Amino acid sequence: MEDAHCPCLQKLIIRHCKELKQVPIGIDNLNHLNELFLCDMPEKFVAQLRKKVGELRHLLHRISYIRSYQGQSMEDLS
């Protein structure tokens, strides 16, 4: 995801990617992305976001609104 491909993307929803270990390459280049919704994602992936530090969090530092949904429960990861 390079900025030239999605220059105005403001919201991204990633759902049911049970094998996902990292965020999509280039997500840190999406300068207008301010909402990320993760639905039914692997616990290990979500746990990395809970840490608030590390490479994964660094890639998402511009995103002000991050939510994880597992079934009926929602967790704020912002």
Protein backbone atom coordinates (compact mmCIF):
# COMPACT_ATOMS: atom_id res chain seq x y z
CA MET A 1 0.00 0.00 0.00
CA GLU A 2 1.91 2.95 -1.19
CA ASP A 3 0.57 6.44 -0.73
CA ALA A 4 0.13 6.81 -4.49
CA HIS A 5 -2.30 3.88 -4.59
CA CYS A 6 -4.65 5.00 -1.82
CA PRO A 7 -3.84 8.65 -1.14
CA CYS A 8 -7.20 9.50 0.45
CA LEU A 9 -7.91 6.29 2.36
CA GLN A 10 -9.23 7.27 5.78
CA LYS A 11 -10.69 4.01 7.11
CA LEU A 12 -9.45 0.44 6.74
CA ILE A 13 -11.28 -2.69 7.86
CA ILE A 14 -9.39 -5.98 8.00
CA ARG A 15 -11.56 -9.03 8.67
CA HIS A 16 -11.04 -12.73 9.26
CA CYS A 17 -7.33 -12.88 8.35
CA LYS A 18 -6.49 -15.77 10.65
CA GLU A 19 -2.90 -16.08 9.38
CA LEU A 20 -2.04 -12.37 9.56
CA LYS A 21 1.16 -11.73 11.50
CA GLN A 22 1.97 -8.18 10.37
CA VAL A 23 0.06 -5.18 9.09
CA PRO A 24 -0.01 -4.77 5.31
CA ILE A 25 3.26 -3.46 3.87
CA GLY A 26 3.08 0.27 3.29
CA ILE A 27 0.30 0.99 5.78
CA ASP A 28 2.61 3.56 7.36
CA ASN A 29 2.57 5.46 4.04
CA LEU A 30 -1.19 6.04 4.20
CA ASN A 31 -1.02 9.56 5.57
CA HIS A 32 -4.79 10.08 5.75
CA LEU A 33 -5.61 6.76 7.39
CA ASN A 34 -7.07 7.55 10.80
CA GLU A 35 -9.35 4.57 11.51
CA LEU A 36 -8.38 0.91 11.60
CA PHE A 37 -10.90 -1.80 12.43
CA LEU A 38 -9.73 -5.36 13.01
CA CYS A 39 -12.45 -8.02 13.07
CA ASP A 40 -11.90 -11.59 14.26
CA MET A 41 -8.14 -11.40 13.98
CA PRO A 42 -5.56 -13.76 15.54
CA GLU A 43 -5.02 -13.15 19.24
CA LYS A 44 -1.26 -13.06 18.77
CA PHE A 45 -1.62 -10.21 16.27
CA VAL A 46 -3.96 -8.23 18.54
CA ALA A 47 -1.65 -8.82 21.52
CA GLN A 48 1.16 -7.04 19.65
CA LEU A 49 -1.06 -3.97 19.37
CA ARG A 50 -1.83 -4.00 23.08
CA LYS A 51 1.85 -3.50 23.89
CA LYS A 52 1.80 0.15 22.72
CA VAL A 53 5.47 -0.21 21.72
CA GLY A 54 7.37 -2.20 19.13
CA GLU A 55 7.59 -2.35 15.37
CA LEU A 56 3.90 -3.02 14.79
CA ARG A 57 2.82 -0.06 16.92
CA HIS A 58 5.42 2.13 15.24
CA LEU A 59 3.89 1.38 11.83
CA LEU A 60 0.46 2.42 13.11
CA HIS A 61 1.50 5.50 15.09
CA ARG A 62 -0.41 7.91 12.82
CA ILE A 63 -3.73 6.10 13.20
CA SER A 64 -5.75 7.71 15.95
CA TYR A 65 -8.63 5.21 16.15
CA ILE A 66 -7.84 1.47 16.31
CA ARG A 67 -10.51 -1.05 17.32
CA SER A 68 -10.44 -4.82 17.55
CA TYR A 69 -13.65 -6.83 17.40
CA GLN A 70 -13.74 -10.47 18.51
CA GLY A 71 -17.24 -11.86 18.23
CA GLN A 72 -19.48 -9.51 20.20
CA SER A 73 -16.71 -7.79 22.16
CA MET A 74 -14.84 -4.64 21.16
CA GLU A 75 -11.45 -3.48 22.41
CA ASP A 76 -9.99 -0.01 21.97
CA LEU A 77 -6.35 -0.34 20.90
CA SER A 78 -5.78 3.34 20.18
